[in-house]
Amino acid sequence: MLRKQAFVLIGMTFAVVELVLLWMRGAAHLPLPVPDTDDTAARLAFAARWLLLPGFCLLTGIGMVANRRFFIPDAIDGSRTPENRALEINLRYNQNTLEQTVLAAIAWTGLALALPHERLALIPALAILFVVARALFWIGYLIAPSARALGFALTFYPTVAAFIWLAEGALA
């Protein structure tokens, strides 16, 4: 196994271990808010409000790209400039964050409709984790591309788990 692959595997394994520990410690039972009422509209509005956090992650990335483009003469016209490593990383961060946000929006909407009311605190827990994970992804990417693995996994795997849980419920 290549050194970079081993580094990625370590980051992803660490993320899985952390997520399992969070779940076992009852992350869904943290003192986080749940909707005041238990109707469909309140549940959907609750999920939509927490989707602002992934939206802010994307907004921050887009703002950083705009800022970088302003100060890079050959990038101000909007072209991609792979010669500028930081700009390219920011563009990749934005692309991946957009992808992760769309998947999270689908998953969290499904969870908002399917979870028992008292377990809806899982959505804010996922939103907070999303922000932390995106920061780890971005910082890791700036350090070394393989260092983004932990942040990626902490963003992606909870969404995968939500999709699997929702699919099992749909098939039951």
N, C-alpha and C. Protein backbone atom coordinates (compact mmCIF):
# COMPACT_ATOMS: atom_id res chain seq x y z
N MET A 1 0.85 -1.18 0.00
CA MET A 1 0.00 0.00 0.00
C MET A 1 0.90 1.24 0.00
N LEU A 2 0.53 2.18 -0.81
CA LEU A 2 1.29 3.41 -0.89
C LEU A 2 1.14 4.22 0.39
N ARG A 3 2.12 5.05 0.66
CA ARG A 3 2.11 5.87 1.88
C ARG A 3 0.87 6.78 1.92
N LYS A 4 0.55 7.41 0.79
CA LYS A 4 -0.62 8.29 0.74
C LYS A 4 -1.90 7.52 1.01
N GLN A 5 -2.02 6.34 0.43
CA GLN A 5 -3.21 5.52 0.66
C GLN A 5 -3.33 5.12 2.13
N ALA A 6 -2.21 4.80 2.73
CA ALA A 6 -2.22 4.44 4.15
C ALA A 6 -2.66 5.63 5.00
N PHE A 7 -2.19 6.82 4.64
CA PHE A 7 -2.57 8.03 5.38
C PHE A 7 -4.07 8.28 5.25
N VAL A 8 -4.61 8.11 4.05
CA VAL A 8 -6.05 8.28 3.83
C VAL A 8 -6.83 7.23 4.63
N LEU A 9 -6.37 5.99 4.59
CA LEU A 9 -7.04 4.92 5.32
C LEU A 9 -7.05 5.20 6.83
N ILE A 10 -5.96 5.72 7.35
CA ILE A 10 -5.89 6.06 8.77
C ILE A 10 -6.92 7.16 9.10
N GLY A 11 -6.97 8.19 8.27
CA GLY A 11 -7.93 9.27 8.49
C GLY A 11 -9.37 8.79 8.44
N MET A 12 -9.67 7.94 7.47
CA MET A 12 -11.05 7.45 7.33
C MET A 12 -11.39 6.48 8.47
N THR A 13 -10.44 5.65 8.86
CA THR A 13 -10.67 4.73 9.98
C THR A 13 -10.91 5.51 11.27
N PHE A 14 -10.10 6.53 11.50
CA PHE A 14 -10.27 7.37 12.69
C PHE A 14 -11.66 8.00 12.69
N ALA A 15 -12.12 8.44 11.53
CA ALA A 15 -13.45 9.05 11.43
C ALA A 15 -14.53 8.04 11.78
N VAL A 16 -14.42 6.83 11.28
CA VAL A 16 -15.42 5.80 11.58
C VAL A 16 -15.44 5.49 13.07
N VAL A 17 -14.26 5.36 13.67
CA VAL A 17 -14.18 5.10 15.11
C VAL A 17 -14.83 6.24 15.89
N GLU A 18 -14.52 7.47 15.53
CA GLU A 18 -15.11 8.63 16.21
C GLU A 18 -16.63 8.65 16.08
N LEU A 19 -17.12 8.35 14.89
CA LEU A 19 -18.57 8.35 14.68
C LEU A 19 -19.26 7.25 15.48
N VAL A 20 -18.65 6.08 15.54
CA VAL A 20 -19.22 4.98 16.34
C VAL A 20 -19.23 5.38 17.81
N LEU A 21 -18.15 5.97 18.30
CA LEU A 21 -18.10 6.40 19.70
C LEU A 21 -19.15 7.47 19.99
N LEU A 22 -19.29 8.42 19.07
CA LEU A 22 -20.32 9.45 19.25
C LEU A 22 -21.71 8.83 19.32
N TRP A 23 -21.97 7.87 18.45
CA TRP A 23 -23.29 7.23 18.45
C TRP A 23 -23.49 6.44 19.73
N MET A 24 -22.47 5.70 20.16
CA MET A 24 -22.60 4.87 21.36
C MET A 24 -22.76 5.72 22.61
N ARG A 25 -22.18 6.90 22.62
CA ARG A 25 -22.30 7.80 23.77
C ARG A 25 -23.62 8.56 23.74
N GLY A 26 -24.40 8.33 22.71
CA GLY A 26 -25.71 8.96 22.65
C GLY A 26 -25.72 10.36 22.09
N ALA A 27 -24.99 10.57 21.00
CA ALA A 27 -24.93 11.90 20.40
C ALA A 27 -26.33 12.42 20.08
N ALA A 28 -27.24 11.52 19.74
CA ALA A 28 -28.60 11.95 19.43
C ALA A 28 -29.35 12.39 20.68
N HIS A 29 -28.80 12.10 21.84
CA HIS A 29 -29.45 12.49 23.09
C HIS A 29 -28.79 13.70 23.74
N LEU A 30 -27.94 14.38 23.02
CA LEU A 30 -27.31 15.59 23.54
C LEU A 30 -28.39 16.66 23.75
N PRO A 31 -28.12 17.62 24.61
CA PRO A 31 -29.13 18.67 24.84
C PRO A 31 -29.19 19.65 23.67
N LEU A 32 -29.64 19.14 22.55
CA LEU A 32 -29.80 19.94 21.34
C LEU A 32 -31.29 20.13 21.09
N PRO A 33 -31.65 21.17 20.37
CA PRO A 33 -33.07 21.46 20.19
C PRO A 33 -33.78 20.44 19.30
N VAL A 34 -35.07 20.35 19.51
CA VAL A 34 -35.99 19.62 18.63
C VAL A 34 -37.14 20.58 18.33
N PRO A 35 -37.92 20.31 17.30
CA PRO A 35 -39.04 21.22 17.01
C PRO A 35 -40.03 21.27 18.16
N ASP A 36 -40.65 22.43 18.32
CA ASP A 36 -41.63 22.59 19.39
C ASP A 36 -42.86 21.72 19.17
N THR A 37 -43.26 21.60 17.92
CA THR A 37 -44.42 20.77 17.59
C THR A 37 -43.96 19.59 16.75
N ASP A 38 -44.86 18.63 16.59
CA ASP A 38 -44.47 17.41 15.89
C ASP A 38 -45.25 17.21 14.59
N ASP A 39 -45.55 18.29 13.90
CA ASP A 39 -46.22 18.14 12.62
C ASP A 39 -45.18 18.18 11.50
N THR A 40 -45.58 17.76 10.32
CA THR A 40 -44.67 17.66 9.18
C THR A 40 -44.01 18.99 8.85
N ALA A 41 -44.78 20.06 8.85
CA ALA A 41 -44.22 21.38 8.51
C ALA A 41 -43.14 21.79 9.50
N ALA A 42 -43.37 21.56 10.78
CA ALA A 42 -42.38 21.93 11.80
C ALA A 42 -41.11 21.10 11.64
N ARG A 43 -41.28 19.83 11.33
CA ARG A 43 -40.12 18.96 11.13
C ARG A 43 -39.29 19.42 9.93
N LEU A 44 -39.95 19.73 8.83
CA LEU A 44 -39.23 20.18 7.63
C LEU A 44 -38.57 21.53 7.83
N ALA A 45 -39.27 22.43 8.51
CA ALA A 45 -38.68 23.75 8.81
C ALA A 45 -37.46 23.60 9.71
N PHE A 46 -37.53 22.67 10.64
CA PHE A 46 -36.41 22.40 11.54
C PHE A 46 -35.19 21.94 10.75
N ALA A 47 -35.38 20.99 9.86
CA ALA A 47 -34.26 20.51 9.03
C ALA A 47 -33.72 21.63 8.15
N ALA A 48 -34.61 22.42 7.58
CA ALA A 48 -34.19 23.52 6.70
C ALA A 48 -33.34 24.54 7.46
N ARG A 49 -33.73 24.83 8.70
CA ARG A 49 -32.94 25.79 9.49
C ARG A 49 -31.53 25.26 9.74
N TRP A 50 -31.41 23.97 10.03
CA TRP A 50 -30.09 23.40 10.30
C TRP A 50 -29.27 23.24 9.02
N LEU A 51 -29.92 23.23 7.88
CA LEU A 51 -29.18 23.19 6.61
C LEU A 51 -28.47 24.51 6.33
N LEU A 52 -28.78 25.53 7.11
CA LEU A 52 -28.02 26.78 6.99
C LEU A 52 -26.54 26.57 7.31
N LEU A 53 -26.22 25.65 8.21
CA LEU A 53 -24.81 25.44 8.55
C LEU A 53 -24.01 24.91 7.36
N PRO A 54 -24.47 23.86 6.67
CA PRO A 54 -23.75 23.50 5.44
C PRO A 54 -23.74 24.63 4.41
N GLY A 55 -24.83 25.38 4.36
CA GLY A 55 -24.88 26.52 3.44
C GLY A 55 -23.81 27.55 3.77
N PHE A 56 -23.59 27.80 5.04
CA PHE A 56 -22.54 28.73 5.44
C PHE A 56 -21.15 28.20 5.08
N CYS A 57 -20.96 26.89 5.17
CA CYS A 57 -19.67 26.30 4.75
C CYS A 57 -19.43 26.60 3.28
N LEU A 58 -20.45 26.42 2.47
CA LEU A 58 -20.31 26.69 1.03
C LEU A 58 -20.15 28.18 0.77
N LEU A 59 -20.91 28.99 1.46
CA LEU A 59 -20.81 30.44 1.32
C LEU A 59 -19.39 30.93 1.65
N THR A 60 -18.80 30.37 2.70
CA THR A 60 -17.44 30.74 3.08
C THR A 60 -16.45 30.36 1.98
N GLY A 61 -16.61 29.17 1.43
CA GLY A 61 -15.71 28.74 0.36
C GLY A 61 -15.83 29.60 -0.88
N ILE A 62 -17.05 29.95 -1.25
CA ILE A 62 -17.25 30.80 -2.43
C ILE A 62 -16.66 32.18 -2.19
N GLY A 63 -16.83 32.69 -0.99
CA GLY A 63 -16.24 33.98 -0.64
C GLY A 63 -14.72 33.95 -0.71
N MET A 64 -14.13 32.86 -0.26
CA MET A 64 -12.66 32.73 -0.32
C MET A 64 -12.18 32.69 -1.76
N VAL A 65 -12.90 31.99 -2.63
CA VAL A 65 -12.51 31.94 -4.05
C VAL A 65 -12.61 33.33 -4.66
N ALA A 66 -13.69 34.04 -4.37
CA ALA A 66 -13.85 35.40 -4.91
C ALA A 66 -12.70 36.29 -4.44
N ASN A 67 -12.35 36.17 -3.18
CA ASN A 67 -11.26 36.97 -2.63
C ASN A 67 -9.93 36.62 -3.30
N ARG A 68 -9.66 35.34 -3.45
CA ARG A 68 -8.40 34.92 -4.09
C ARG A 68 -8.35 35.39 -5.54
N ARG A 69 -9.46 35.24 -6.24
CA ARG A 69 -9.48 35.66 -7.65
C ARG A 69 -9.16 37.15 -7.80
N PHE A 70 -9.66 37.95 -6.87
CA PHE A 70 -9.43 39.38 -6.94
C PHE A 70 -7.93 39.72 -6.89
N PHE A 71 -7.17 38.94 -6.12
CA PHE A 71 -5.76 39.23 -5.91
C PHE A 71 -4.81 38.43 -6.81
N ILE A 72 -5.36 37.59 -7.69
CA ILE A 72 -4.51 36.81 -8.60
C ILE A 72 -4.81 37.30 -10.02
N PRO A 73 -3.87 38.02 -10.63
CA PRO A 73 -4.12 38.64 -11.95
C PRO A 73 -4.64 37.68 -13.01
N ASP A 74 -4.08 36.46 -13.09
CA ASP A 74 -4.53 35.55 -14.15
C ASP A 74 -5.77 34.76 -13.75
N ALA A 75 -6.32 35.00 -12.57
CA ALA A 75 -7.53 34.30 -12.13
C ALA A 75 -8.74 35.22 -12.05
N ILE A 76 -8.53 36.52 -12.13
CA ILE A 76 -9.63 37.46 -11.94
C ILE A 76 -10.68 37.34 -13.05
N ASP A 77 -10.30 36.78 -14.20
CA ASP A 77 -11.25 36.62 -15.30
C ASP A 77 -12.17 35.40 -15.12
N GLY A 78 -11.97 34.64 -14.03
CA GLY A 78 -12.86 33.51 -13.74
C GLY A 78 -12.32 32.17 -14.19
N SER A 79 -11.18 32.15 -14.83
CA SER A 79 -10.63 30.87 -15.29
C SER A 79 -10.02 30.10 -14.13
N ARG A 80 -9.98 28.80 -14.27
CA ARG A 80 -9.31 27.96 -13.28
C ARG A 80 -7.81 28.13 -13.49
N THR A 81 -7.09 28.25 -12.42
CA THR A 81 -5.64 28.39 -12.53
C THR A 81 -4.96 27.35 -11.65
N PRO A 82 -4.78 26.15 -12.17
CA PRO A 82 -4.14 25.12 -11.36
C PRO A 82 -2.74 25.50 -10.88
N GLU A 83 -2.13 26.51 -11.52
CA GLU A 83 -0.82 26.95 -11.04
C GLU A 83 -0.92 27.52 -9.63
N ASN A 84 -2.06 28.06 -9.29
CA ASN A 84 -2.27 28.60 -7.95
C ASN A 84 -2.90 27.51 -7.09
N ARG A 85 -2.08 26.86 -6.28
CA ARG A 85 -2.52 25.71 -5.48
C ARG A 85 -3.67 26.05 -4.53
N ALA A 86 -3.58 27.17 -3.84
CA ALA A 86 -4.62 27.53 -2.87
C ALA A 86 -5.96 27.78 -3.55
N LEU A 87 -5.94 28.43 -4.71
CA LEU A 87 -7.19 28.66 -5.43
C LEU A 87 -7.79 27.33 -5.90
N GLU A 88 -6.97 26.47 -6.41
CA GLU A 88 -7.46 25.16 -6.88
C GLU A 88 -8.05 24.37 -5.71
N ILE A 89 -7.40 24.40 -4.56
CA ILE A 89 -7.93 23.70 -3.38
C ILE A 89 -9.26 24.30 -2.96
N ASN A 90 -9.37 25.62 -2.98
CA ASN A 90 -10.64 26.27 -2.63
C ASN A 90 -11.74 25.86 -3.60
N LEU A 91 -11.42 25.80 -4.89
CA LEU A 91 -12.41 25.37 -5.88
C LEU A 91 -12.84 23.92 -5.63
N ARG A 92 -11.89 23.08 -5.30
CA ARG A 92 -12.22 21.67 -5.00
C ARG A 92 -13.02 21.56 -3.71
N TYR A 93 -12.67 22.37 -2.71
CA TYR A 93 -13.44 22.41 -1.47
C TYR A 93 -14.90 22.77 -1.79
N ASN A 94 -15.08 23.80 -2.60
CA ASN A 94 -16.44 24.24 -2.95
C ASN A 94 -17.21 23.13 -3.66
N GLN A 95 -16.57 22.47 -4.61
CA GLN A 95 -17.25 21.41 -5.36
C GLN A 95 -17.66 20.29 -4.41
N ASN A 96 -16.74 19.84 -3.57
CA ASN A 96 -17.07 18.75 -2.66
C ASN A 96 -18.09 19.18 -1.62
N THR A 97 -18.00 20.41 -1.14
CA THR A 97 -18.96 20.89 -0.15
C THR A 97 -20.36 20.99 -0.76
N LEU A 98 -20.45 21.41 -2.02
CA LEU A 98 -21.74 21.43 -2.70
C LEU A 98 -22.32 20.02 -2.78
N GLU A 99 -21.49 19.07 -3.18
CA GLU A 99 -21.95 17.68 -3.27
C GLU A 99 -22.41 17.17 -1.91
N GLN A 100 -21.61 17.42 -0.88
CA GLN A 100 -21.95 16.95 0.47
C GLN A 100 -23.22 17.63 0.99
N THR A 101 -23.39 18.91 0.66
CA THR A 101 -24.57 19.65 1.11
C THR A 101 -25.84 19.10 0.48
N VAL A 102 -25.79 18.79 -0.80
CA VAL A 102 -26.96 18.23 -1.47
C VAL A 102 -27.34 16.89 -0.85
N LEU A 103 -26.34 16.04 -0.62
CA LEU A 103 -26.62 14.75 0.00
C LEU A 103 -27.15 14.91 1.41
N ALA A 104 -26.57 15.84 2.17
CA ALA A 104 -27.05 16.09 3.54
C ALA A 104 -28.49 16.60 3.51
N ALA A 105 -28.81 17.47 2.58
CA ALA A 105 -30.17 18.01 2.49
C ALA A 105 -31.18 16.89 2.25
N ILE A 106 -30.83 15.97 1.38
CA ILE A 106 -31.72 14.83 1.11
C ILE A 106 -31.86 13.97 2.37
N ALA A 107 -30.72 13.66 2.98
CA ALA A 107 -30.74 12.79 4.17
C ALA A 107 -31.46 13.44 5.34
N TRP A 108 -31.15 14.72 5.61
CA TRP A 108 -31.74 15.37 6.78
C TRP A 108 -33.24 15.59 6.59
N THR A 109 -33.66 15.81 5.36
CA THR A 109 -35.10 15.93 5.10
C THR A 109 -35.79 14.59 5.39
N GLY A 110 -35.17 13.52 4.94
CA GLY A 110 -35.71 12.19 5.22
C GLY A 110 -35.73 11.90 6.71
N LEU A 111 -34.66 12.25 7.40
CA LEU A 111 -34.62 12.04 8.85
C LEU A 111 -35.67 12.88 9.56
N ALA A 112 -35.85 14.11 9.11
CA ALA A 112 -36.85 14.99 9.73
C ALA A 112 -38.23 14.37 9.66
N LEU A 113 -38.49 13.64 8.60
CA LEU A 113 -39.81 13.02 8.43
C LEU A 113 -39.93 11.65 9.09
N ALA A 114 -38.79 10.96 9.29
CA ALA A 114 -38.85 9.56 9.73
C ALA A 114 -38.46 9.33 11.19
N LEU A 115 -37.62 10.19 11.75
CA LEU A 115 -37.17 9.96 13.13
C LEU A 115 -38.29 10.21 14.13
N PRO A 116 -38.26 9.50 15.24
CA PRO A 116 -39.17 9.86 16.33
C PRO A 116 -38.84 11.28 16.79
N HIS A 117 -39.85 12.00 17.26
CA HIS A 117 -39.68 13.41 17.62
C HIS A 117 -38.49 13.63 18.56
N GLU A 118 -38.36 12.80 19.59
CA GLU A 118 -37.30 13.00 20.58
C GLU A 118 -35.90 12.74 20.00
N ARG A 119 -35.80 12.08 18.85
CA ARG A 119 -34.51 11.81 18.22
C ARG A 119 -34.14 12.85 17.16
N LEU A 120 -34.98 13.84 16.95
CA LEU A 120 -34.69 14.87 15.95
C LEU A 120 -33.47 15.72 16.32
N ALA A 121 -33.00 15.62 17.55
CA ALA A 121 -31.77 16.31 17.94
C ALA A 121 -30.58 15.80 17.15
N LEU A 122 -30.75 14.66 16.50
CA LEU A 122 -29.69 14.14 15.64
C LEU A 122 -29.39 15.11 14.49
N ILE A 123 -30.38 15.82 14.01
CA ILE A 123 -30.16 16.75 12.88
C ILE A 123 -29.22 17.89 13.28
N PRO A 124 -29.44 18.60 14.39
CA PRO A 124 -28.44 19.61 14.76
C PRO A 124 -27.07 19.01 15.06
N ALA A 125 -27.04 17.79 15.61
CA ALA A 125 -25.74 17.13 15.85
C ALA A 125 -25.02 16.91 14.52
N LEU A 126 -25.75 16.46 13.51
CA LEU A 126 -25.16 16.26 12.19
C LEU A 126 -24.72 17.58 11.57
N ALA A 127 -25.48 18.63 11.80
CA ALA A 127 -25.13 19.95 11.25
C ALA A 127 -23.85 20.49 11.87
N ILE A 128 -23.72 20.35 13.17
CA ILE A 128 -22.51 20.81 13.85
C ILE A 128 -21.31 19.98 13.40
N LEU A 129 -21.51 18.67 13.32
CA LEU A 129 -20.44 17.80 12.83
C LEU A 129 -20.04 18.17 11.40
N PHE A 130 -21.02 18.52 10.57
CA PHE A 130 -20.75 18.91 9.19
C PHE A 130 -19.79 20.09 9.15
N VAL A 131 -20.03 21.10 9.96
CA VAL A 131 -19.18 22.30 9.96
C VAL A 131 -17.76 21.94 10.42
N VAL A 132 -17.65 21.18 11.48
CA VAL A 132 -16.33 20.77 11.97
C VAL A 132 -15.61 19.94 10.91
N ALA A 133 -16.33 19.02 10.31
CA ALA A 133 -15.73 18.14 9.31
C ALA A 133 -15.29 18.90 8.06
N ARG A 134 -16.10 19.87 7.63
CA ARG A 134 -15.70 20.66 6.46
C ARG A 134 -14.45 21.48 6.75
N ALA A 135 -14.35 22.00 7.97
CA ALA A 135 -13.14 22.75 8.35
C ALA A 135 -11.92 21.82 8.34
N LEU A 136 -12.08 20.62 8.88
CA LEU A 136 -10.98 19.65 8.87
C LEU A 136 -10.61 19.25 7.44
N PHE A 137 -11.61 19.11 6.58
CA PHE A 137 -11.36 18.77 5.17
C PHE A 137 -10.54 19.87 4.51
N TRP A 138 -10.97 21.10 4.68
CA TRP A 138 -10.32 22.24 4.03
C TRP A 138 -8.90 22.44 4.55
N ILE A 139 -8.74 22.44 5.85
CA ILE A 139 -7.42 22.61 6.44
C ILE A 139 -6.50 21.45 6.04
N GLY A 140 -7.04 20.24 6.12
CA GLY A 140 -6.25 19.08 5.72
C GLY A 140 -5.81 19.17 4.28
N TYR A 141 -6.70 19.59 3.41
CA TYR A 141 -6.39 19.72 2.00
C TYR A 141 -5.28 20.74 1.78
N LEU A 142 -5.32 21.84 2.52
CA LEU A 142 -4.27 22.85 2.39
C LEU A 142 -2.92 22.33 2.88
N ILE A 143 -2.94 21.43 3.86
CA ILE A 143 -1.69 20.86 4.37
C ILE A 143 -1.14 19.85 3.36
N ALA A 144 -1.96 18.89 2.99
CA ALA A 144 -1.59 17.85 2.01
C ALA A 144 -2.88 17.21 1.54
N PRO A 145 -3.02 16.94 0.25
CA PRO A 145 -4.28 16.39 -0.25
C PRO A 145 -4.78 15.15 0.49
N SER A 146 -3.88 14.27 0.90
CA SER A 146 -4.34 13.07 1.61
C SER A 146 -4.81 13.38 3.03
N ALA A 147 -4.46 14.55 3.55
CA ALA A 147 -4.88 14.93 4.90
C ALA A 147 -6.34 15.35 4.96
N ARG A 148 -6.99 15.41 3.82
CA ARG A 148 -8.41 15.77 3.80
C ARG A 148 -9.31 14.59 4.16
N ALA A 149 -8.76 13.40 4.28
CA ALA A 149 -9.54 12.18 4.48
C ALA A 149 -10.41 12.22 5.73
N LEU A 150 -9.87 12.69 6.83
CA LEU A 150 -10.65 12.73 8.07
C LEU A 150 -11.88 13.61 7.91
N GLY A 151 -11.69 14.81 7.40
CA GLY A 151 -12.81 15.72 7.20
C GLY A 151 -13.83 15.19 6.22
N PHE A 152 -13.34 14.57 5.15
CA PHE A 152 -14.25 13.98 4.16
C PHE A 152 -15.10 12.90 4.83
N ALA A 153 -14.43 12.00 5.52
CA ALA A 153 -15.14 10.87 6.13
C ALA A 153 -16.14 11.33 7.19
N LEU A 154 -15.77 12.34 7.98
CA LEU A 154 -16.69 12.84 9.01
C LEU A 154 -17.89 13.56 8.41
N THR A 155 -17.77 14.00 7.17
CA THR A 155 -18.91 14.60 6.47
C THR A 155 -19.73 13.53 5.77
N PHE A 156 -19.05 12.63 5.09
CA PHE A 156 -19.71 11.67 4.20
C PHE A 156 -20.36 10.50 4.93
N TYR A 157 -19.65 9.88 5.85
CA TYR A 157 -20.17 8.67 6.49
C TYR A 157 -21.46 8.86 7.28
N PRO A 158 -21.64 9.96 8.00
CA PRO A 158 -22.95 10.14 8.65
C PRO A 158 -24.09 10.23 7.64
N THR A 159 -23.82 10.83 6.49
CA THR A 159 -24.85 10.92 5.45
C THR A 159 -25.14 9.53 4.89
N VAL A 160 -24.09 8.75 4.67
CA VAL A 160 -24.27 7.37 4.19
C VAL A 160 -25.11 6.59 5.20
N ALA A 161 -24.77 6.73 6.48
CA ALA A 161 -25.53 6.02 7.52
C ALA A 161 -27.00 6.44 7.50
N ALA A 162 -27.26 7.73 7.32
CA ALA A 162 -28.65 8.20 7.24
C ALA A 162 -29.36 7.61 6.04
N PHE A 163 -28.70 7.58 4.88
CA PHE A 163 -29.30 6.99 3.68
C PHE A 163 -29.62 5.52 3.90
N ILE A 164 -28.70 4.78 4.50
CA ILE A 164 -28.94 3.35 4.76
C ILE A 164 -30.11 3.17 5.71
N TRP A 165 -30.14 3.96 6.80
CA TRP A 165 -31.23 3.86 7.76
C TRP A 165 -32.57 4.18 7.10
N LEU A 166 -32.58 5.23 6.29
CA LEU A 166 -33.82 5.62 5.59
C LEU A 166 -34.23 4.56 4.58
N ALA A 167 -33.28 3.99 3.87
CA ALA A 167 -33.61 2.95 2.88
C ALA A 167 -34.17 1.71 3.56
N GLU A 168 -33.58 1.33 4.69
CA GLU A 168 -34.09 0.18 5.44
C GLU A 168 -35.52 0.42 5.89
N GLY A 169 -35.80 1.65 6.34
CA GLY A 169 -37.16 1.99 6.74
C GLY A 169 -38.14 1.99 5.58
N ALA A 170 -37.66 2.40 4.42
CA ALA A 170 -38.53 2.43 3.24
C ALA A 170 -38.82 1.02 2.74
N LEU A 171 -37.88 0.11 2.96
CA LEU A 171 -38.06 -1.26 2.49
C LEU A 171 -38.83 -2.12 3.50
N ALA A 172 -38.93 -1.64 4.73
CA ALA A 172 -39.59 -2.43 5.78
C ALA A 172 -41.10 -2.42 5.63
